[in-house]
Amino acid sequence: MLINDIVYGAGNPAGWAYIQEPTAKEAKFLQRQGFEVLDINHEDCLEAVLQEVANHA
């Protein structure tokens, strides 16, 4: 499977999946592949990153 080739040898977590309200099937598949599922949209993620950068500036 392609995802196995992409994450082969990756650390833990192998990556992050930004999925708002993932289905149980999606979450289970990604967790089996070593991904951390984050129930967040890209705007909230960007806002959190910018806030973190501002706090450390």
PDB file of N, CA and C in Angstrom:
ATOM      1  N   MET A   1       0.847  -1.176   0.000  1.00  0.00           N
ATOM      2  CA  MET A   1       0.000   0.000   0.000  1.00  0.00           C
ATOM      3  C   MET A   1       0.893   1.240   0.000  1.00  0.00           C
ATOM      4  N   LEU A   2       0.511   2.274  -0.680  1.00  0.00           N
ATOM      5  CA  LEU A   2       1.308   3.473  -0.834  1.00  0.00           C
ATOM      6  C   LEU A   2       1.626   4.142   0.504  1.00  0.00           C
ATOM      7  N   ILE A   3       0.660   4.227   1.401  1.00  0.00           N
ATOM      8  CA  ILE A   3       0.908   4.897   2.684  1.00  0.00           C
ATOM      9  C   ILE A   3       2.001   4.188   3.467  1.00  0.00           C
ATOM     10  N   ASN A   4       2.070   2.861   3.374  1.00  0.00           N
ATOM     11  CA  ASN A   4       3.135   2.108   4.050  1.00  0.00           C
ATOM     12  C   ASN A   4       4.503   2.505   3.512  1.00  0.00           C
ATOM     13  N   ASP A   5       4.603   2.693   2.210  1.00  0.00           N
ATOM     14  CA  ASP A   5       5.868   3.105   1.603  1.00  0.00           C
ATOM     15  C   ASP A   5       6.259   4.508   2.043  1.00  0.00           C
ATOM     16  N   ILE A   6       5.299   5.383   2.178  1.00  0.00           N
ATOM     17  CA  ILE A   6       5.577   6.774   2.555  1.00  0.00           C
ATOM     18  C   ILE A   6       6.091   6.876   3.985  1.00  0.00           C
ATOM     19  N   VAL A   7       5.494   6.117   4.896  1.00  0.00           N
ATOM     20  CA  VAL A   7       5.858   6.251   6.320  1.00  0.00           C
ATOM     21  C   VAL A   7       6.866   5.199   6.777  1.00  0.00           C
ATOM     22  N   TYR A   8       7.373   4.386   5.868  1.00  0.00           N
ATOM     23  CA  TYR A   8       8.334   3.348   6.242  1.00  0.00           C
ATOM     24  C   TYR A   8       9.535   3.992   6.933  1.00  0.00           C
ATOM     25  N   GLY A   9       9.856   3.531   8.119  1.00  0.00           N
ATOM     26  CA  GLY A   9      11.008   4.032   8.860  1.00  0.00           C
ATOM     27  C   GLY A   9      10.770   5.356   9.564  1.00  0.00           C
ATOM     28  N   ALA A  10       9.562   5.863   9.510  1.00  0.00           N
ATOM     29  CA  ALA A  10       9.258   7.133  10.174  1.00  0.00           C
ATOM     30  C   ALA A  10       9.258   6.927  11.681  1.00  0.00           C
ATOM     31  N   GLY A  11       9.433   7.995  12.393  1.00  0.00           N
ATOM     32  CA  GLY A  11       9.403   7.932  13.853  1.00  0.00           C
ATOM     33  C   GLY A  11       7.988   7.765  14.359  1.00  0.00           C
ATOM     34  N   ASN A  12       7.815   8.086  15.618  1.00  0.00           N
ATOM     35  CA  ASN A  12       6.490   7.965  16.222  1.00  0.00           C
ATOM     36  C   ASN A  12       6.086   9.319  16.781  1.00  0.00           C
ATOM     37  N   PRO A  13       5.064   9.975  16.341  1.00  0.00           N
ATOM     38  CA  PRO A  13       4.129   9.534  15.314  1.00  0.00           C
ATOM     39  C   PRO A  13       4.745   9.642  13.919  1.00  0.00           C
ATOM     40  N   ALA A  14       4.201   8.868  13.007  1.00  0.00           N
ATOM     41  CA  ALA A  14       4.673   8.898  11.619  1.00  0.00           C
ATOM     42  C   ALA A  14       4.246  10.190  10.936  1.00  0.00           C
ATOM     43  N   GLY A  15       3.231  10.828  11.466  1.00  0.00           N
ATOM     44  CA  GLY A  15       2.731  12.074  10.905  1.00  0.00           C
ATOM     45  C   GLY A  15       1.462  12.481  11.618  1.00  0.00           C
ATOM     46  N   TRP A  16       0.869  13.541  11.142  1.00  0.00           N
ATOM     47  CA  TRP A  16      -0.362  14.050  11.736  1.00  0.00           C
ATOM     48  C   TRP A  16      -1.407  14.175  10.648  1.00  0.00           C
ATOM     49  N   ALA A  17      -2.627  13.874  11.010  1.00  0.00           N
ATOM     50  CA  ALA A  17      -3.745  14.005  10.079  1.00  0.00           C
ATOM     51  C   ALA A  17      -4.721  15.015  10.669  1.00  0.00           C
ATOM     52  N   TYR A  18      -4.891  16.116   9.989  1.00  0.00           N
ATOM     53  CA  TYR A  18      -5.819  17.152  10.427  1.00  0.00           C
ATOM     54  C   TYR A  18      -7.168  16.879   9.785  1.00  0.00           C
ATOM     55  N   ILE A  19      -8.038  16.218  10.524  1.00  0.00           N
ATOM     56  CA  ILE A  19      -9.351  15.853   9.993  1.00  0.00           C
ATOM     57  C   ILE A  19     -10.406  16.270  11.010  1.00  0.00           C
ATOM     58  N   GLN A  20     -11.277  17.157  10.595  1.00  0.00           N
ATOM     59  CA  GLN A  20     -12.376  17.555  11.466  1.00  0.00           C
ATOM     60  C   GLN A  20     -13.403  16.448  11.499  1.00  0.00           C
ATOM     61  N   GLU A  21     -13.751  15.998  12.680  1.00  0.00           N
ATOM     62  CA  GLU A  21     -14.743  14.952  12.901  1.00  0.00           C
ATOM     63  C   GLU A  21     -14.454  13.706  12.050  1.00  0.00           C
ATOM     64  N   PRO A  22     -13.309  13.064  12.268  1.00  0.00           N
ATOM     65  CA  PRO A  22     -13.009  11.862  11.482  1.00  0.00           C
ATOM     66  C   PRO A  22     -13.962  10.722  11.833  1.00  0.00           C
ATOM     67  N   THR A  23     -14.246   9.895  10.845  1.00  0.00           N
ATOM     68  CA  THR A  23     -15.072   8.721  11.112  1.00  0.00           C
ATOM     69  C   THR A  23     -14.224   7.719  11.896  1.00  0.00           C
ATOM     70  N   ALA A  24     -14.880   6.777  12.527  1.00  0.00           N
ATOM     71  CA  ALA A  24     -14.155   5.758  13.285  1.00  0.00           C
ATOM     72  C   ALA A  24     -13.218   4.972  12.366  1.00  0.00           C
ATOM     73  N   LYS A  25     -13.662   4.719  11.153  1.00  0.00           N
ATOM     74  CA  LYS A  25     -12.856   3.970  10.185  1.00  0.00           C
ATOM     75  C   LYS A  25     -11.599   4.758   9.794  1.00  0.00           C
ATOM     76  N   GLU A  26     -11.758   6.058   9.543  1.00  0.00           N
ATOM     77  CA  GLU A  26     -10.604   6.897   9.204  1.00  0.00           C
ATOM     78  C   GLU A  26      -9.605   6.948  10.353  1.00  0.00           C
ATOM     79  N   ALA A  27     -10.104   7.185  11.557  1.00  0.00           N
ATOM     80  CA  ALA A  27      -9.233   7.293  12.729  1.00  0.00           C
ATOM     81  C   ALA A  27      -8.495   5.981  12.977  1.00  0.00           C
ATOM     82  N   LYS A  28      -9.177   4.868  12.883  1.00  0.00           N
ATOM     83  CA  LYS A  28      -8.564   3.559  13.124  1.00  0.00           C
ATOM     84  C   LYS A  28      -7.474   3.278  12.092  1.00  0.00           C
ATOM     85  N   PHE A  29      -7.755   3.550  10.820  1.00  0.00           N
ATOM     86  CA  PHE A  29      -6.773   3.326   9.766  1.00  0.00           C
ATOM     87  C   PHE A  29      -5.520   4.161   9.994  1.00  0.00           C
ATOM     88  N   LEU A  30      -5.703   5.445  10.259  1.00  0.00           N
ATOM     89  CA  LEU A  30      -4.557   6.333  10.445  1.00  0.00           C
ATOM     90  C   LEU A  30      -3.755   5.966  11.690  1.00  0.00           C
ATOM     91  N   GLN A  31      -4.424   5.601  12.761  1.00  0.00           N
ATOM     92  CA  GLN A  31      -3.723   5.202  13.974  1.00  0.00           C
ATOM     93  C   GLN A  31      -2.920   3.929  13.745  1.00  0.00           C
ATOM     94  N   ARG A  32      -3.463   2.994  12.979  1.00  0.00           N
ATOM     95  CA  ARG A  32      -2.718   1.763  12.649  1.00  0.00           C
ATOM     96  C   ARG A  32      -1.460   2.082  11.858  1.00  0.00           C
ATOM     97  N   GLN A  33      -1.515   3.130  11.048  1.00  0.00           N
ATOM     98  CA  GLN A  33      -0.363   3.521  10.234  1.00  0.00           C
ATOM     99  C   GLN A  33       0.637   4.371  11.017  1.00  0.00           C
ATOM    100  N   GLY A  34       0.300   4.727  12.259  1.00  0.00           N
ATOM    101  CA  GLY A  34       1.213   5.500  13.096  1.00  0.00           C
ATOM    102  C   GLY A  34       0.968   6.998  13.081  1.00  0.00           C
ATOM    103  N   PHE A  35      -0.152   7.410  12.522  1.00  0.00           N
ATOM    104  CA  PHE A  35      -0.473   8.832  12.472  1.00  0.00           C
ATOM    105  C   PHE A  35      -1.220   9.252  13.733  1.00  0.00           C
ATOM    106  N   GLU A  36      -1.018  10.485  14.131  1.00  0.00           N
ATOM    107  CA  GLU A  36      -1.795  11.067  15.216  1.00  0.00           C
ATOM    108  C   GLU A  36      -2.925  11.867  14.570  1.00  0.00           C
ATOM    109  N   VAL A  37      -4.150  11.548  14.923  1.00  0.00           N
ATOM    110  CA  VAL A  37      -5.306  12.220  14.341  1.00  0.00           C
ATOM    111  C   VAL A  37      -5.638  13.440  15.195  1.00  0.00           C
ATOM    112  N   LEU A  38      -5.660  14.600  14.563  1.00  0.00           N
ATOM    113  CA  LEU A  38      -5.978  15.850  15.245  1.00  0.00           C
ATOM    114  C   LEU A  38      -7.322  16.351  14.732  1.00  0.00           C
ATOM    115  N   ASP A  39      -8.284  16.422  15.609  1.00  0.00           N
ATOM    116  CA  ASP A  39      -9.634  16.860  15.247  1.00  0.00           C
ATOM    117  C   ASP A  39      -9.654  18.385  15.233  1.00  0.00           C
ATOM    118  N   ILE A  40      -9.115  18.953  14.152  1.00  0.00           N
ATOM    119  CA  ILE A  40      -8.961  20.402  14.051  1.00  0.00           C
ATOM    120  C   ILE A  40      -8.962  20.772  12.563  1.00  0.00           C
ATOM    121  N   ASN A  41      -9.410  21.961  12.251  1.00  0.00           N
ATOM    122  CA  ASN A  41      -9.333  22.390  10.856  1.00  0.00           C
ATOM    123  C   ASN A  41      -8.061  23.220  10.653  1.00  0.00           C
ATOM    124  N   HIS A  42      -7.728  23.503   9.415  1.00  0.00           N
ATOM    125  CA  HIS A  42      -6.460  24.178   9.137  1.00  0.00           C
ATOM    126  C   HIS A  42      -6.418  25.607   9.674  1.00  0.00           C
ATOM    127  N   GLU A  43      -7.558  26.299   9.724  1.00  0.00           N
ATOM    128  CA  GLU A  43      -7.556  27.659  10.257  1.00  0.00           C
ATOM    129  C   GLU A  43      -7.243  27.670  11.753  1.00  0.00           C
ATOM    130  N   ASP A  44      -7.857  26.748  12.499  1.00  0.00           N
ATOM    131  CA  ASP A  44      -7.584  26.660  13.940  1.00  0.00           C
ATOM    132  C   ASP A  44      -6.137  26.252  14.193  1.00  0.00           C
ATOM    133  N   CYS A  45      -5.616  25.367  13.370  1.00  0.00           N
ATOM    134  CA  CYS A  45      -4.233  24.934  13.511  1.00  0.00           C
ATOM    135  C   CYS A  45      -3.279  26.109  13.276  1.00  0.00           C
ATOM    136  N   LEU A  46      -3.503  26.865  12.213  1.00  0.00           N
ATOM    137  CA  LEU A  46      -2.661  28.013  11.910  1.00  0.00           C
ATOM    138  C   LEU A  46      -2.737  29.047  13.029  1.00  0.00           C
ATOM    139  N   GLU A  47      -3.922  29.288  13.548  1.00  0.00           N
ATOM    140  CA  GLU A  47      -4.090  30.241  14.640  1.00  0.00           C
ATOM    141  C   GLU A  47      -3.306  29.793  15.881  1.00  0.00           C
ATOM    142  N   ALA A  48      -3.353  28.511  16.187  1.00  0.00           N
ATOM    143  CA  ALA A  48      -2.628  27.984  17.345  1.00  0.00           C
ATOM    144  C   ALA A  48      -1.122  28.115  17.152  1.00  0.00           C
ATOM    145  N   VAL A  49      -0.639  27.834  15.948  1.00  0.00           N
ATOM    146  CA  VAL A  49       0.797  27.958  15.674  1.00  0.00           C
ATOM    147  C   VAL A  49       1.239  29.416  15.785  1.00  0.00           C
ATOM    148  N   LEU A  50       0.477  30.317  15.216  1.00  0.00           N
ATOM    149  CA  LEU A  50       0.837  31.736  15.277  1.00  0.00           C
ATOM    150  C   LEU A  50       0.820  32.247  16.709  1.00  0.00           C
ATOM    151  N   GLN A  51      -0.132  31.779  17.510  1.00  0.00           N
ATOM    152  CA  GLN A  51      -0.196  32.183  18.914  1.00  0.00           C
ATOM    153  C   GLN A  51       1.035  31.668  19.658  1.00  0.00           C
ATOM    154  N   GLU A  52       1.427  30.435  19.379  1.00  0.00           N
ATOM    155  CA  GLU A  52       2.607  29.845  20.024  1.00  0.00           C
ATOM    156  C   GLU A  52       3.871  30.613  19.653  1.00  0.00           C
ATOM    157  N   VAL A  53       3.994  30.993  18.396  1.00  0.00           N
ATOM    158  CA  VAL A  53       5.148  31.771  17.946  1.00  0.00           C
ATOM    159  C   VAL A  53       5.155  33.129  18.633  1.00  0.00           C
ATOM    160  N   ALA A  54       3.997  33.769  18.722  1.00  0.00           N
ATOM    161  CA  ALA A  54       3.911  35.075  19.380  1.00  0.00           C
ATOM    162  C   ALA A  54       4.273  34.981  20.860  1.00  0.00           C
ATOM    163  N   ASN A  55       3.914  33.897  21.502  1.00  0.00           N
ATOM    164  CA  ASN A  55       4.241  33.724  22.916  1.00  0.00           C
ATOM    165  C   ASN A  55       5.732  33.545  23.158  1.00  0.00           C
ATOM    166  N   HIS A  56       6.452  33.048  22.150  1.00  0.00           N
ATOM    167  CA  HIS A  56       7.872  32.800  22.309  1.00  0.00           C
ATOM    168  C   HIS A  56       8.744  33.860  21.639  1.00  0.00           C
ATOM    169  N   ALA A  57       8.114  34.899  21.125  1.00  0.00           N
ATOM    170  CA  ALA A  57       8.884  35.954  20.428  1.00  0.00           C
ATOM    171  C   ALA A  57       9.450  36.962  21.394  1.00  0.00           C
TER     172      ALA A  57
END
